[in-house]
């Protein structure tokens, strides 16, 4: 079992990333291609194993047509 590197609040953000991606109908691979990251990065971000900074969160928000507040 992999231990998440973040607090419970970060896990909530990670879950929102997954929700937003599925709502818009993208696969992890499609998102990875659009933001120029490996698919494993998206998977780890959605499972709270990968840190994302505010600039990356902004990219996700724009791609998913959400505000940053949606994730927070």
N, C-alpha and C. Protein backbone atom coordinates (compact mmCIF):
# COMPACT_ATOMS: atom_id res chain seq x y z
N UNK A 1 0.83 -1.18 0.00
CA UNK A 1 0.00 0.00 0.00
C UNK A 1 0.88 1.24 0.00
N UNK A 2 0.62 2.13 -0.94
CA UNK A 2 1.41 3.35 -1.06
C UNK A 2 0.87 4.40 -0.10
N UNK A 3 1.77 5.05 0.59
CA UNK A 3 1.38 6.09 1.53
C UNK A 3 1.33 7.42 0.79
N UNK A 4 0.22 8.13 0.91
CA UNK A 4 0.09 9.44 0.29
C UNK A 4 1.02 10.41 1.00
N UNK A 5 1.55 11.35 0.22
CA UNK A 5 2.51 12.30 0.79
C UNK A 5 1.83 13.57 1.27
N UNK A 6 0.50 13.58 1.27
CA UNK A 6 -0.23 14.80 1.59
C UNK A 6 -1.27 14.56 2.67
N UNK A 7 -1.71 15.65 3.25
CA UNK A 7 -2.75 15.61 4.26
C UNK A 7 -4.11 15.32 3.62
N UNK A 8 -5.08 15.13 4.46
CA UNK A 8 -6.43 14.83 4.01
C UNK A 8 -6.96 15.90 3.05
N UNK A 9 -6.63 17.16 3.29
CA UNK A 9 -7.08 18.23 2.41
C UNK A 9 -6.57 18.04 0.99
N UNK A 10 -5.33 17.59 0.86
CA UNK A 10 -4.79 17.37 -0.47
C UNK A 10 -5.49 16.20 -1.15
N UNK A 11 -5.83 15.21 -0.40
CA UNK A 11 -6.57 14.07 -0.98
C UNK A 11 -7.89 14.53 -1.57
N UNK A 12 -8.52 15.49 -0.92
CA UNK A 12 -9.77 16.04 -1.43
C UNK A 12 -9.54 16.76 -2.76
N UNK A 13 -8.45 17.49 -2.87
CA UNK A 13 -8.11 18.16 -4.13
C UNK A 13 -7.85 17.11 -5.21
N UNK A 14 -7.12 16.07 -4.86
CA UNK A 14 -6.81 15.01 -5.82
C UNK A 14 -8.10 14.35 -6.33
N UNK A 15 -9.04 14.12 -5.43
CA UNK A 15 -10.32 13.53 -5.82
C UNK A 15 -11.07 14.47 -6.76
N UNK A 16 -11.00 15.77 -6.49
CA UNK A 16 -11.67 16.74 -7.36
C UNK A 16 -11.03 16.75 -8.75
N UNK A 17 -9.72 16.52 -8.82
CA UNK A 17 -9.06 16.43 -10.13
C UNK A 17 -9.67 15.29 -10.94
N UNK A 18 -9.86 14.17 -10.30
CA UNK A 18 -10.43 13.00 -10.99
C UNK A 18 -11.89 13.27 -11.40
N UNK A 19 -12.65 13.85 -10.50
CA UNK A 19 -14.05 14.17 -10.80
C UNK A 19 -14.14 15.11 -12.00
N UNK A 20 -13.33 16.16 -11.99
CA UNK A 20 -13.37 17.15 -13.07
C UNK A 20 -12.97 16.51 -14.40
N UNK A 21 -11.97 15.64 -14.37
CA UNK A 21 -11.52 14.97 -15.60
C UNK A 21 -12.62 14.09 -16.17
N UNK A 22 -13.26 13.32 -15.31
CA UNK A 22 -14.30 12.41 -15.80
C UNK A 22 -15.54 13.17 -16.25
N UNK A 23 -15.85 14.28 -15.58
CA UNK A 23 -17.00 15.08 -15.99
C UNK A 23 -16.84 15.62 -17.41
N UNK A 24 -15.62 15.99 -17.76
CA UNK A 24 -15.38 16.54 -19.09
C UNK A 24 -15.15 15.45 -20.12
N UNK A 25 -14.97 14.21 -19.65
CA UNK A 25 -14.87 13.07 -20.56
C UNK A 25 -13.49 12.77 -21.09
N UNK A 26 -12.45 13.21 -20.39
CA UNK A 26 -11.08 12.94 -20.81
C UNK A 26 -10.53 11.71 -20.11
N UNK A 27 -9.67 10.99 -20.80
CA UNK A 27 -8.91 9.92 -20.15
C UNK A 27 -7.66 10.55 -19.54
N UNK A 28 -7.00 9.81 -18.68
CA UNK A 28 -5.74 10.31 -18.12
C UNK A 28 -4.73 10.55 -19.24
N UNK A 29 -4.71 9.67 -20.22
CA UNK A 29 -3.77 9.81 -21.33
C UNK A 29 -4.03 11.10 -22.11
N UNK A 30 -5.30 11.40 -22.37
CA UNK A 30 -5.63 12.63 -23.10
C UNK A 30 -5.20 13.87 -22.34
N UNK A 31 -5.43 13.86 -21.04
CA UNK A 31 -5.02 15.01 -20.21
C UNK A 31 -3.51 15.14 -20.23
N UNK A 32 -2.82 14.04 -20.08
CA UNK A 32 -1.36 14.05 -20.09
C UNK A 32 -0.82 14.66 -21.37
N UNK A 33 -1.39 14.29 -22.48
CA UNK A 33 -0.96 14.83 -23.78
C UNK A 33 -1.21 16.33 -23.86
N UNK A 34 -2.35 16.77 -23.33
CA UNK A 34 -2.72 18.18 -23.41
C UNK A 34 -1.84 19.07 -22.53
N UNK A 35 -1.38 18.53 -21.41
CA UNK A 35 -0.53 19.35 -20.54
C UNK A 35 0.95 18.94 -20.60
N UNK A 36 1.24 18.07 -21.54
CA UNK A 36 2.63 17.68 -21.80
C UNK A 36 3.32 17.03 -20.59
N UNK A 37 2.62 16.07 -20.00
CA UNK A 37 3.15 15.29 -18.88
C UNK A 37 2.90 13.82 -19.17
N UNK A 38 3.62 12.92 -18.51
CA UNK A 38 3.33 11.50 -18.69
C UNK A 38 2.00 11.11 -18.04
N UNK A 39 1.37 10.07 -18.54
CA UNK A 39 0.10 9.61 -17.97
C UNK A 39 0.26 9.25 -16.50
N UNK A 40 1.41 8.74 -16.13
CA UNK A 40 1.64 8.37 -14.73
C UNK A 40 1.56 9.59 -13.81
N UNK A 41 1.91 10.75 -14.32
CA UNK A 41 1.81 11.99 -13.54
C UNK A 41 0.35 12.27 -13.18
N UNK A 42 -0.55 12.11 -14.15
CA UNK A 42 -1.97 12.35 -13.92
C UNK A 42 -2.51 11.34 -12.90
N UNK A 43 -2.14 10.08 -13.09
CA UNK A 43 -2.56 9.04 -12.17
C UNK A 43 -2.11 9.34 -10.75
N UNK A 44 -0.87 9.71 -10.59
CA UNK A 44 -0.34 10.00 -9.25
C UNK A 44 -0.95 11.27 -8.66
N UNK A 45 -1.22 12.26 -9.49
CA UNK A 45 -1.87 13.49 -9.00
C UNK A 45 -3.27 13.17 -8.49
N UNK A 46 -3.98 12.30 -9.20
CA UNK A 46 -5.34 11.94 -8.81
C UNK A 46 -5.40 11.01 -7.61
N UNK A 47 -4.30 10.38 -7.27
CA UNK A 47 -4.28 9.50 -6.11
C UNK A 47 -3.49 10.10 -4.95
N UNK A 48 -3.18 11.39 -5.06
CA UNK A 48 -2.47 12.14 -4.02
C UNK A 48 -1.06 11.62 -3.76
N UNK A 49 -0.44 11.04 -4.77
CA UNK A 49 0.94 10.59 -4.66
C UNK A 49 1.91 11.57 -5.31
N UNK A 50 1.38 12.53 -6.05
CA UNK A 50 2.19 13.50 -6.79
C UNK A 50 1.78 14.90 -6.37
N UNK A 51 2.74 15.71 -5.99
CA UNK A 51 2.45 17.11 -5.69
C UNK A 51 2.17 17.86 -6.97
N UNK A 52 1.22 18.78 -6.88
CA UNK A 52 1.02 19.71 -7.99
C UNK A 52 1.09 21.11 -7.42
N UNK A 53 1.70 22.00 -8.15
CA UNK A 53 1.79 23.37 -7.66
C UNK A 53 0.64 24.20 -8.21
N UNK A 54 0.57 25.44 -7.81
CA UNK A 54 -0.55 26.30 -8.17
C UNK A 54 -0.62 26.53 -9.68
N UNK A 55 0.50 26.61 -10.34
CA UNK A 55 0.51 26.80 -11.80
C UNK A 55 -0.09 25.57 -12.49
N UNK A 56 0.27 24.40 -12.01
CA UNK A 56 -0.29 23.17 -12.58
C UNK A 56 -1.80 23.08 -12.28
N UNK A 57 -2.20 23.48 -11.08
CA UNK A 57 -3.62 23.47 -10.75
C UNK A 57 -4.37 24.42 -11.68
N UNK A 58 -3.77 25.53 -11.99
CA UNK A 58 -4.36 26.49 -12.91
C UNK A 58 -4.53 25.86 -14.30
N UNK A 59 -3.54 25.08 -14.75
CA UNK A 59 -3.64 24.38 -16.03
C UNK A 59 -4.79 23.38 -16.03
N UNK A 60 -4.89 22.62 -14.95
CA UNK A 60 -5.99 21.66 -14.84
C UNK A 60 -7.33 22.38 -14.86
N UNK A 61 -7.45 23.46 -14.10
CA UNK A 61 -8.70 24.21 -14.04
C UNK A 61 -9.11 24.71 -15.41
N UNK A 62 -8.17 25.24 -16.15
CA UNK A 62 -8.47 25.75 -17.49
C UNK A 62 -8.90 24.61 -18.41
N UNK A 63 -8.16 23.52 -18.39
CA UNK A 63 -8.46 22.38 -19.24
C UNK A 63 -9.84 21.79 -18.91
N UNK A 64 -10.16 21.72 -17.62
CA UNK A 64 -11.41 21.11 -17.19
C UNK A 64 -12.58 22.11 -17.14
N UNK A 65 -12.28 23.36 -17.48
CA UNK A 65 -13.30 24.43 -17.48
C UNK A 65 -13.93 24.59 -16.10
N UNK A 66 -13.06 24.65 -15.11
CA UNK A 66 -13.45 24.84 -13.71
C UNK A 66 -12.67 26.02 -13.14
N UNK A 67 -13.18 26.57 -12.05
CA UNK A 67 -12.40 27.59 -11.34
C UNK A 67 -11.45 26.88 -10.39
N UNK A 68 -10.43 27.56 -9.97
CA UNK A 68 -9.52 26.98 -8.98
C UNK A 68 -10.28 26.69 -7.69
N UNK A 69 -11.26 27.51 -7.40
CA UNK A 69 -12.06 27.29 -6.18
C UNK A 69 -12.76 25.94 -6.18
N UNK A 70 -13.09 25.42 -7.34
CA UNK A 70 -13.71 24.09 -7.41
C UNK A 70 -12.82 23.05 -6.73
N UNK A 71 -11.52 23.17 -6.92
CA UNK A 71 -10.58 22.19 -6.38
C UNK A 71 -10.29 22.42 -4.91
N UNK A 72 -10.50 23.65 -4.45
CA UNK A 72 -10.20 23.98 -3.06
C UNK A 72 -11.42 23.83 -2.18
